[in-house]
Amino acid sequence: MLRLKSVMDSKGISTKEYAALLGMAEKTLYNKLSGSSEFTISEFQKLKVILPEYNVEYLLTEVPTGR
């Protein structure tokens, strides 16, 4: 899972709310968060606007599993 999901959780933003902000279906966002599909350049740009305090590269890296 991407760090973006952790940030969303810490800010109290649901997947449904965040998907609406990005202009996509909740299932599409879930697929992107799980790595099944990739974010587009325009979605990168929206991430920068919605979460300006975070580096996009940070948000789109995998959370270490600790295994």
PDB file of N, CA and C in Angstrom:
ATOM      1  N   MET A   1       0.855  -1.175   0.000  1.00  0.00           N
ATOM      2  CA  MET A   1       0.000   0.000   0.000  1.00  0.00           C
ATOM      3  C   MET A   1       0.903   1.240   0.000  1.00  0.00           C
ATOM      4  N   LEU A   2       0.460   2.272  -0.680  1.00  0.00           N
ATOM      5  CA  LEU A   2       1.241   3.499  -0.776  1.00  0.00           C
ATOM      6  C   LEU A   2       1.136   4.332   0.501  1.00  0.00           C
ATOM      7  N   ARG A   3       2.171   5.148   0.726  1.00  0.00           N
ATOM      8  CA  ARG A   3       2.165   6.053   1.882  1.00  0.00           C
ATOM      9  C   ARG A   3       0.973   7.017   1.831  1.00  0.00           C
ATOM     10  N   LEU A   4       0.489   7.296   0.651  1.00  0.00           N
ATOM     11  CA  LEU A   4      -0.666   8.185   0.506  1.00  0.00           C
ATOM     12  C   LEU A   4      -1.826   7.709   1.370  1.00  0.00           C
ATOM     13  N   LYS A   5      -2.049   6.416   1.441  1.00  0.00           N
ATOM     14  CA  LYS A   5      -3.139   5.868   2.260  1.00  0.00           C
ATOM     15  C   LYS A   5      -2.921   6.191   3.728  1.00  0.00           C
ATOM     16  N   SER A   6      -1.690   6.094   4.200  1.00  0.00           N
ATOM     17  CA  SER A   6      -1.385   6.433   5.595  1.00  0.00           C
ATOM     18  C   SER A   6      -1.647   7.903   5.871  1.00  0.00           C
ATOM     19  N   VAL A   7      -1.278   8.752   4.917  1.00  0.00           N
ATOM     20  CA  VAL A   7      -1.507  10.196   5.067  1.00  0.00           C
ATOM     21  C   VAL A   7      -3.004  10.476   5.089  1.00  0.00           C
ATOM     22  N   MET A   8      -3.747   9.843   4.196  1.00  0.00           N
ATOM     23  CA  MET A   8      -5.202  10.018   4.176  1.00  0.00           C
ATOM     24  C   MET A   8      -5.796   9.616   5.516  1.00  0.00           C
ATOM     25  N   ASP A   9      -5.376   8.479   6.038  1.00  0.00           N
ATOM     26  CA  ASP A   9      -5.883   8.001   7.324  1.00  0.00           C
ATOM     27  C   ASP A   9      -5.562   8.988   8.441  1.00  0.00           C
ATOM     28  N   SER A  10      -4.333   9.507   8.455  1.00  0.00           N
ATOM     29  CA  SER A  10      -3.935  10.426   9.524  1.00  0.00           C
ATOM     30  C   SER A  10      -4.696  11.747   9.458  1.00  0.00           C
ATOM     31  N   LYS A  11      -5.130  12.128   8.260  1.00  0.00           N
ATOM     32  CA  LYS A  11      -5.895  13.365   8.097  1.00  0.00           C
ATOM     33  C   LYS A  11      -7.407  13.137   8.197  1.00  0.00           C
ATOM     34  N   GLY A  12      -7.809  11.881   8.350  1.00  0.00           N
ATOM     35  CA  GLY A  12      -9.233  11.572   8.461  1.00  0.00           C
ATOM     36  C   GLY A  12      -9.979  11.688   7.142  1.00  0.00           C
ATOM     37  N   ILE A  13      -9.255  11.479   6.032  1.00  0.00           N
ATOM     38  CA  ILE A  13      -9.870  11.556   4.704  1.00  0.00           C
ATOM     39  C   ILE A  13     -10.176  10.133   4.247  1.00  0.00           C
ATOM     40  N   SER A  14     -11.438   9.869   3.940  1.00  0.00           N
ATOM     41  CA  SER A  14     -11.810   8.528   3.475  1.00  0.00           C
ATOM     42  C   SER A  14     -11.405   8.343   2.018  1.00  0.00           C
ATOM     43  N   THR A  15     -11.335   7.095   1.603  1.00  0.00           N
ATOM     44  CA  THR A  15     -11.016   6.794   0.213  1.00  0.00           C
ATOM     45  C   THR A  15     -12.065   7.403  -0.705  1.00  0.00           C
ATOM     46  N   LYS A  16     -13.315   7.342  -0.290  1.00  0.00           N
ATOM     47  CA  LYS A  16     -14.413   7.902  -1.086  1.00  0.00           C
ATOM     48  C   LYS A  16     -14.246   9.413  -1.240  1.00  0.00           C
ATOM     49  N   GLU A  17     -13.938  10.111  -0.151  1.00  0.00           N
ATOM     50  CA  GLU A  17     -13.752  11.569  -0.203  1.00  0.00           C
ATOM     51  C   GLU A  17     -12.556  11.935  -1.084  1.00  0.00           C
ATOM     52  N   TYR A  18     -11.463  11.211  -0.916  1.00  0.00           N
ATOM     53  CA  TYR A  18     -10.259  11.525  -1.674  1.00  0.00           C
ATOM     54  C   TYR A  18     -10.449  11.227  -3.154  1.00  0.00           C
ATOM     55  N   ALA A  19     -11.149  10.150  -3.460  1.00  0.00           N
ATOM     56  CA  ALA A  19     -11.443   9.817  -4.860  1.00  0.00           C
ATOM     57  C   ALA A  19     -12.252  10.940  -5.501  1.00  0.00           C
ATOM     58  N   ALA A  20     -13.209  11.482  -4.770  1.00  0.00           N
ATOM     59  CA  ALA A  20     -14.014  12.591  -5.295  1.00  0.00           C
ATOM     60  C   ALA A  20     -13.136  13.815  -5.564  1.00  0.00           C
ATOM     61  N   LEU A  21     -12.197  14.099  -4.656  1.00  0.00           N
ATOM     62  CA  LEU A  21     -11.290  15.230  -4.855  1.00  0.00           C
ATOM     63  C   LEU A  21     -10.414  15.042  -6.094  1.00  0.00           C
ATOM     64  N   LEU A  22     -10.043  13.796  -6.373  1.00  0.00           N
ATOM     65  CA  LEU A  22      -9.219  13.502  -7.544  1.00  0.00           C
ATOM     66  C   LEU A  22     -10.046  13.299  -8.814  1.00  0.00           C
ATOM     67  N   GLY A  23     -11.374  13.235  -8.672  1.00  0.00           N
ATOM     68  CA  GLY A  23     -12.246  13.072  -9.826  1.00  0.00           C
ATOM     69  C   GLY A  23     -12.243  11.663 -10.395  1.00  0.00           C
ATOM     70  N   MET A  24     -12.207  10.670  -9.498  1.00  0.00           N
ATOM     71  CA  MET A  24     -12.218   9.279  -9.951  1.00  0.00           C
ATOM     72  C   MET A  24     -13.122   8.456  -9.048  1.00  0.00           C
ATOM     73  N   ALA A  25     -13.429   7.256  -9.491  1.00  0.00           N
ATOM     74  CA  ALA A  25     -14.236   6.337  -8.689  1.00  0.00           C
ATOM     75  C   ALA A  25     -13.412   5.831  -7.511  1.00  0.00           C
ATOM     76  N   GLU A  26     -14.097   5.491  -6.442  1.00  0.00           N
ATOM     77  CA  GLU A  26     -13.427   4.968  -5.247  1.00  0.00           C
ATOM     78  C   GLU A  26     -12.638   3.697  -5.573  1.00  0.00           C
ATOM     79  N   LYS A  27     -13.182   2.826  -6.391  1.00  0.00           N
ATOM     80  CA  LYS A  27     -12.510   1.582  -6.780  1.00  0.00           C
ATOM     81  C   LYS A  27     -11.222   1.887  -7.550  1.00  0.00           C
ATOM     82  N   THR A  28     -11.258   2.912  -8.398  1.00  0.00           N
ATOM     83  CA  THR A  28     -10.068   3.312  -9.162  1.00  0.00           C
ATOM     84  C   THR A  28      -8.974   3.767  -8.216  1.00  0.00           C
ATOM     85  N   LEU A  29      -9.335   4.572  -7.223  1.00  0.00           N
ATOM     86  CA  LEU A  29      -8.342   5.031  -6.256  1.00  0.00           C
ATOM     87  C   LEU A  29      -7.796   3.851  -5.456  1.00  0.00           C
ATOM     88  N   TYR A  30      -8.651   2.945  -5.061  1.00  0.00           N
ATOM     89  CA  TYR A  30      -8.198   1.768  -4.331  1.00  0.00           C
ATOM     90  C   TYR A  30      -7.175   0.988  -5.160  1.00  0.00           C
ATOM     91  N   ASN A  31      -7.450   0.823  -6.453  1.00  0.00           N
ATOM     92  CA  ASN A  31      -6.519   0.117  -7.337  1.00  0.00           C
ATOM     93  C   ASN A  31      -5.172   0.830  -7.412  1.00  0.00           C
ATOM     94  N   LYS A  32      -5.207   2.143  -7.427  1.00  0.00           N
ATOM     95  CA  LYS A  32      -3.968   2.923  -7.482  1.00  0.00           C
ATOM     96  C   LYS A  32      -3.212   2.822  -6.156  1.00  0.00           C
ATOM     97  N   LEU A  33      -3.916   2.865  -5.048  1.00  0.00           N
ATOM     98  CA  LEU A  33      -3.282   2.763  -3.738  1.00  0.00           C
ATOM     99  C   LEU A  33      -2.663   1.388  -3.521  1.00  0.00           C
ATOM    100  N   SER A  34      -3.276   0.367  -4.083  1.00  0.00           N
ATOM    101  CA  SER A  34      -2.769  -1.002  -3.895  1.00  0.00           C
ATOM    102  C   SER A  34      -1.715  -1.379  -4.938  1.00  0.00           C
ATOM    103  N   GLY A  35      -1.488  -0.500  -5.913  1.00  0.00           N
ATOM    104  CA  GLY A  35      -0.475  -0.759  -6.923  1.00  0.00           C
ATOM    105  C   GLY A  35      -0.971  -1.504  -8.141  1.00  0.00           C
ATOM    106  N   SER A  36      -2.276  -1.734  -8.226  1.00  0.00           N
ATOM    107  CA  SER A  36      -2.838  -2.429  -9.391  1.00  0.00           C
ATOM    108  C   SER A  36      -2.815  -1.564 -10.644  1.00  0.00           C
ATOM    109  N   SER A  37      -2.859  -0.250 -10.460  1.00  0.00           N
ATOM    110  CA  SER A  37      -2.748   0.691 -11.571  1.00  0.00           C
ATOM    111  C   SER A  37      -1.969   1.905 -11.093  1.00  0.00           C
ATOM    112  N   GLU A  38      -1.531   2.721 -12.044  1.00  0.00           N
ATOM    113  CA  GLU A  38      -0.670   3.855 -11.727  1.00  0.00           C
ATOM    114  C   GLU A  38      -1.427   5.178 -11.802  1.00  0.00           C
ATOM    115  N   PHE A  39      -0.906   6.161 -11.089  1.00  0.00           N
ATOM    116  CA  PHE A  39      -1.446   7.507 -11.152  1.00  0.00           C
ATOM    117  C   PHE A  39      -0.989   8.176 -12.449  1.00  0.00           C
ATOM    118  N   THR A  40      -1.839   9.025 -13.018  1.00  0.00           N
ATOM    119  CA  THR A  40      -1.486   9.780 -14.218  1.00  0.00           C
ATOM    120  C   THR A  40      -0.787  11.078 -13.829  1.00  0.00           C
ATOM    121  N   ILE A  41      -0.226  11.755 -14.801  1.00  0.00           N
ATOM    122  CA  ILE A  41       0.443  13.025 -14.536  1.00  0.00           C
ATOM    123  C   ILE A  41      -0.544  14.046 -13.977  1.00  0.00           C
ATOM    124  N   SER A  42      -1.738  14.104 -14.522  1.00  0.00           N
ATOM    125  CA  SER A  42      -2.727  15.069 -14.012  1.00  0.00           C
ATOM    126  C   SER A  42      -3.127  14.729 -12.576  1.00  0.00           C
ATOM    127  N   GLU A  43      -3.146  13.449 -12.238  1.00  0.00           N
ATOM    128  CA  GLU A  43      -3.447  13.055 -10.853  1.00  0.00           C
ATOM    129  C   GLU A  43      -2.294  13.431  -9.930  1.00  0.00           C
ATOM    130  N   PHE A  44      -1.035  13.328 -10.420  1.00  0.00           N
ATOM    131  CA  PHE A  44       0.120  13.803  -9.645  1.00  0.00           C
ATOM    132  C   PHE A  44      -0.050  15.280  -9.311  1.00  0.00           C
ATOM    133  N   GLN A  45      -0.461  16.042 -10.322  1.00  0.00           N
ATOM    134  CA  GLN A  45      -0.637  17.492 -10.134  1.00  0.00           C
ATOM    135  C   GLN A  45      -1.721  17.783  -9.103  1.00  0.00           C
ATOM    136  N   LYS A  46      -2.798  17.018  -9.129  1.00  0.00           N
ATOM    137  CA  LYS A  46      -3.867  17.197  -8.139  1.00  0.00           C
ATOM    138  C   LYS A  46      -3.377  16.839  -6.737  1.00  0.00           C
ATOM    139  N   LEU A  47      -2.550  15.791  -6.637  1.00  0.00           N
ATOM    140  CA  LEU A  47      -1.987  15.413  -5.334  1.00  0.00           C
ATOM    141  C   LEU A  47      -1.196  16.574  -4.748  1.00  0.00           C
ATOM    142  N   LYS A  48      -0.413  17.250  -5.585  1.00  0.00           N
ATOM    143  CA  LYS A  48       0.400  18.373  -5.126  1.00  0.00           C
ATOM    144  C   LYS A  48      -0.459  19.525  -4.623  1.00  0.00           C
ATOM    145  N   VAL A  49      -1.619  19.716  -5.236  1.00  0.00           N
ATOM    146  CA  VAL A  49      -2.528  20.794  -4.816  1.00  0.00           C
ATOM    147  C   VAL A  49      -3.268  20.420  -3.537  1.00  0.00           C
ATOM    148  N   ILE A  50      -3.734  19.186  -3.452  1.00  0.00           N
ATOM    149  CA  ILE A  50      -4.528  18.740  -2.306  1.00  0.00           C
ATOM    150  C   ILE A  50      -3.677  18.553  -1.052  1.00  0.00           C
ATOM    151  N   LEU A  51      -2.451  18.050  -1.234  1.00  0.00           N
ATOM    152  CA  LEU A  51      -1.554  17.801  -0.101  1.00  0.00           C
ATOM    153  C   LEU A  51      -0.208  18.500  -0.341  1.00  0.00           C
ATOM    154  N   PRO A  52      -0.202  19.842  -0.368  1.00  0.00           N
ATOM    155  CA  PRO A  52       1.029  20.571  -0.713  1.00  0.00           C
ATOM    156  C   PRO A  52       2.170  20.393   0.278  1.00  0.00           C
ATOM    157  N   GLU A  53       1.866  19.978   1.494  1.00  0.00           N
ATOM    158  CA  GLU A  53       2.902  19.819   2.507  1.00  0.00           C
ATOM    159  C   GLU A  53       3.716  18.533   2.322  1.00  0.00           C
ATOM    160  N   TYR A  54       3.306  17.689   1.370  1.00  0.00           N
ATOM    161  CA  TYR A  54       3.994  16.415   1.131  1.00  0.00           C
ATOM    162  C   TYR A  54       4.622  16.387  -0.253  1.00  0.00           C
ATOM    163  N   ASN A  55       5.755  15.719  -0.346  1.00  0.00           N
ATOM    164  CA  ASN A  55       6.410  15.468  -1.611  1.00  0.00           C
ATOM    165  C   ASN A  55       5.660  14.329  -2.294  1.00  0.00           C
ATOM    166  N   VAL A  56       5.343  14.495  -3.576  1.00  0.00           N
ATOM    167  CA  VAL A  56       4.579  13.477  -4.298  1.00  0.00           C
ATOM    168  C   VAL A  56       5.335  12.147  -4.331  1.00  0.00           C
ATOM    169  N   GLU A  57       6.651  12.196  -4.483  1.00  0.00           N
ATOM    170  CA  GLU A  57       7.426  10.952  -4.484  1.00  0.00           C
ATOM    171  C   GLU A  57       7.258  10.197  -3.166  1.00  0.00           C
ATOM    172  N   TYR A  58       7.223  10.944  -2.060  1.00  0.00           N
ATOM    173  CA  TYR A  58       7.006  10.324  -0.748  1.00  0.00           C
ATOM    174  C   TYR A  58       5.639   9.647  -0.698  1.00  0.00           C
ATOM    175  N   LEU A  59       4.608  10.366  -1.145  1.00  0.00           N
ATOM    176  CA  LEU A  59       3.246   9.831  -1.093  1.00  0.00           C
ATOM    177  C   LEU A  59       3.085   8.566  -1.922  1.00  0.00           C
ATOM    178  N   LEU A  60       3.844   8.467  -3.006  1.00  0.00           N
ATOM    179  CA  LEU A  60       3.660   7.359  -3.930  1.00  0.00           C
ATOM    180  C   LEU A  60       4.672   6.235  -3.751  1.00  0.00           C
ATOM    181  N   THR A  61       5.352   6.216  -2.605  1.00  0.00           N
ATOM    182  CA  THR A  61       6.237   5.089  -2.302  1.00  0.00           C
ATOM    183  C   THR A  61       5.482   4.084  -1.443  1.00  0.00           C
ATOM    184  N   GLU A  62       5.931   2.859  -1.518  1.00  0.00           N
ATOM    185  CA  GLU A  62       5.318   1.781  -0.744  1.00  0.00           C
ATOM    186  C   GLU A  62       5.656   1.930   0.730  1.00  0.00           C
ATOM    187  N   VAL A  63       4.705   1.605   1.584  1.00  0.00           N
ATOM    188  CA  VAL A  63       4.945   1.577   3.029  1.00  0.00           C
ATOM    189  C   VAL A  63       5.721   0.300   3.316  1.00  0.00           C
ATOM    190  N   PRO A  64       6.848   0.400   4.039  1.00  0.00           N
ATOM    191  CA  PRO A  64       7.599  -0.815   4.381  1.00  0.00           C
ATOM    192  C   PRO A  64       6.730  -1.770   5.190  1.00  0.00           C
ATOM    193  N   THR A  65       6.797  -3.042   4.852  1.00  0.00           N
ATOM    194  CA  THR A  65       5.964  -4.038   5.536  1.00  0.00           C
ATOM    195  C   THR A  65       6.612  -4.557   6.809  1.00  0.00           C
ATOM    196  N   GLY A  66       7.920  -4.410   6.956  1.00  0.00           N
ATOM    197  CA  GLY A  66       8.585  -4.871   8.154  1.00  0.00           C
ATOM    198  C   GLY A  66       8.875  -6.353   8.196  1.00  0.00           C
ATOM    199  N   ARG A  67       8.751  -6.992   7.051  1.00  0.00           N
ATOM    200  CA  ARG A  67       8.997  -8.447   6.978  1.00  0.00           C
ATOM    201  C   ARG A  67      10.430  -8.730   6.674  1.00  0.00           C
TER     202      ARG A  67
END
